[in-house]
């Protein structure tokens, strides 16, 4: 429990849970990543809307919120997603931002892959007065 006091980036702190309890927030749902979503019982925002929250499972990273829950958090959708929503043919499965992880994209020539790449016909060739 002591680790939760200082490790705010890894799950929620006791202060977060206290805030949710004081605001009377109720759990609305959970996504496939284990993130939990809450909603206050009554409107307390300056815009007259009910505030909505997400408690991340593990590292707190907003790119780990799927699009349907993102829409609900930002009041684009009134009702929380059920998982039965129809998907368009062009929609892809949600993928969190992998930058900074071991799974990040590293093209040839990047410093993390040695910094060398194959020569290209369009590479710059500097002028030399000898030739």
Protein backbone atom coordinates (compact mmCIF):
# COMPACT_ATOMS: atom_id res chain seq x y z
CA UNK A 1 0.00 0.00 0.00
CA UNK A 2 2.89 2.37 0.73
CA UNK A 3 4.01 2.11 -2.91
CA UNK A 4 0.61 3.38 -4.06
CA UNK A 5 1.17 6.66 -2.19
CA UNK A 6 4.07 7.59 -4.44
CA UNK A 7 3.60 5.55 -7.62
CA UNK A 8 0.79 7.57 -9.22
CA UNK A 9 1.81 6.42 -12.72
CA UNK A 10 1.11 2.77 -11.86
CA UNK A 11 -2.62 2.40 -11.08
CA UNK A 12 -4.51 4.86 -8.90
CA UNK A 13 -3.32 6.41 -5.64
CA UNK A 14 -5.36 6.35 -2.43
CA UNK A 15 -6.15 10.02 -3.12
CA UNK A 16 -7.82 9.05 -6.40
CA UNK A 17 -9.99 6.48 -4.67
CA UNK A 18 -10.83 9.01 -1.94
CA UNK A 19 -11.88 11.56 -4.56
CA UNK A 20 -14.07 9.00 -6.31
CA UNK A 21 -15.70 8.07 -3.00
CA UNK A 22 -16.24 11.71 -1.95
CA UNK A 23 -17.80 12.58 -5.31
CA UNK A 24 -20.08 9.55 -5.10
CA UNK A 25 -18.72 8.16 -8.35
CA UNK A 26 -20.09 4.83 -9.46
CA UNK A 27 -18.27 2.29 -11.61
CA UNK A 28 -19.71 2.26 -15.12
CA UNK A 29 -17.54 -0.32 -16.82
CA UNK A 30 -14.18 -1.76 -17.72
CA UNK A 31 -12.39 -2.12 -21.05
CA UNK A 32 -10.34 -4.97 -22.48
CA UNK A 33 -7.14 -3.44 -21.05
CA UNK A 34 -8.47 -3.50 -17.49
CA UNK A 35 -9.03 0.28 -17.24
CA UNK A 36 -12.02 1.12 -15.05
CA UNK A 37 -14.47 3.93 -15.80
CA UNK A 38 -16.47 5.96 -13.29
CA UNK A 39 -19.16 8.63 -13.38
CA UNK A 40 -20.33 11.01 -10.66
CA UNK A 41 -23.92 10.64 -9.50
CA UNK A 42 -24.77 14.31 -10.04
CA UNK A 43 -23.46 17.11 -12.22
CA UNK A 44 -20.70 19.12 -10.54
CA UNK A 45 -18.87 20.47 -13.57
CA UNK A 46 -19.02 24.15 -14.53
CA UNK A 47 -20.75 23.15 -17.77
CA UNK A 48 -23.55 21.35 -15.90
CA UNK A 49 -22.47 17.88 -17.00
CA UNK A 50 -21.60 14.85 -14.93
CA UNK A 51 -17.84 14.34 -14.59
CA UNK A 52 -16.40 11.08 -15.86
CA UNK A 53 -13.15 9.40 -14.84
CA UNK A 54 -10.80 6.62 -15.89
CA UNK A 55 -8.58 4.66 -13.51
CA UNK A 56 -5.82 3.03 -15.55
CA UNK A 57 -4.66 -0.49 -14.92
CA UNK A 58 -0.90 -0.21 -14.73
CA UNK A 59 0.90 2.73 -16.30
CA UNK A 60 -1.28 5.84 -16.69
CA UNK A 61 -1.23 6.52 -20.43
CA UNK A 62 -4.14 8.16 -22.23
CA UNK A 63 -3.34 6.34 -25.47
CA UNK A 64 -4.48 3.13 -23.74
CA UNK A 65 -8.12 4.28 -23.76
CA UNK A 66 -10.04 2.67 -26.66
CA UNK A 67 -12.00 4.99 -28.95
CA UNK A 68 -15.45 3.99 -27.69
CA UNK A 69 -14.49 4.77 -24.09
CA UNK A 70 -12.71 7.97 -25.17
CA UNK A 71 -15.96 9.12 -26.76
CA UNK A 72 -17.88 8.35 -23.57
CA UNK A 73 -15.33 10.14 -21.35
CA UNK A 74 -15.63 13.28 -23.48
CA UNK A 75 -19.45 13.21 -23.63
CA UNK A 76 -19.53 12.34 -27.33
CA UNK A 77 -21.69 9.35 -26.40
CA UNK A 78 -24.28 9.54 -23.65
CA UNK A 79 -24.28 5.84 -22.77
CA UNK A 80 -21.15 3.82 -21.95
CA UNK A 81 -20.08 1.27 -24.56
CA UNK A 82 -21.44 -2.25 -24.22
CA UNK A 83 -19.14 -4.01 -26.67
CA UNK A 84 -22.05 -4.75 -29.02
CA UNK A 85 -21.62 -1.58 -31.06
CA UNK A 86 -21.34 -2.20 -34.81
CA UNK A 87 -17.90 -1.60 -36.29
CA UNK A 88 -17.24 -0.10 -39.69
CA UNK A 89 -15.13 -2.06 -42.17
CA UNK A 90 -12.46 0.65 -42.09
CA UNK A 91 -12.08 0.64 -38.29
CA UNK A 92 -8.98 -1.05 -36.93
CA UNK A 93 -8.47 -2.62 -33.52
CA UNK A 94 -7.24 -0.14 -30.91
CA UNK A 95 -3.50 -0.14 -30.32
CA UNK A 96 -1.83 1.95 -27.60
CA UNK A 97 1.09 4.24 -28.39
CA UNK A 98 4.22 2.06 -28.24
CA UNK A 99 6.74 4.93 -28.32
CA UNK A 100 9.33 4.48 -25.59
CA UNK A 101 8.66 0.77 -25.18
CA UNK A 102 10.59 -2.25 -26.42
CA UNK A 103 7.86 -2.71 -29.06
CA UNK A 104 8.35 0.77 -30.59
CA UNK A 105 8.96 1.03 -34.33
CA UNK A 106 12.67 1.44 -35.07
CA UNK A 107 13.44 1.94 -38.77
CA UNK A 108 16.81 1.12 -40.24
CA UNK A 109 19.19 3.98 -39.57
CA UNK A 110 17.73 4.83 -36.18
CA UNK A 111 20.21 5.20 -33.33
CA UNK A 112 18.64 2.29 -31.45
CA UNK A 113 19.49 0.01 -34.39
CA UNK A 114 23.10 1.11 -34.78
CA UNK A 115 22.55 4.34 -36.71
CA UNK A 116 23.52 2.89 -40.09
CA UNK A 117 21.30 2.40 -43.09
CA UNK A 118 21.74 1.19 -46.64
CA UNK A 119 23.04 3.68 -49.16
CA UNK A 120 20.43 5.26 -51.38
CA UNK A 121 20.74 6.54 -54.96
CA UNK A 122 19.30 9.85 -53.81
CA UNK A 123 21.91 10.35 -51.08
CA UNK A 124 23.74 13.68 -51.06
CA UNK A 125 27.19 13.74 -52.55
CA UNK A 126 29.21 16.80 -51.57
CA UNK A 127 31.20 18.83 -54.10
CA UNK A 128 34.90 18.28 -54.14
CA UNK A 129 37.32 20.70 -55.92
CA UNK A 130 39.57 17.78 -56.90
CA UNK A 131 37.02 15.97 -58.97
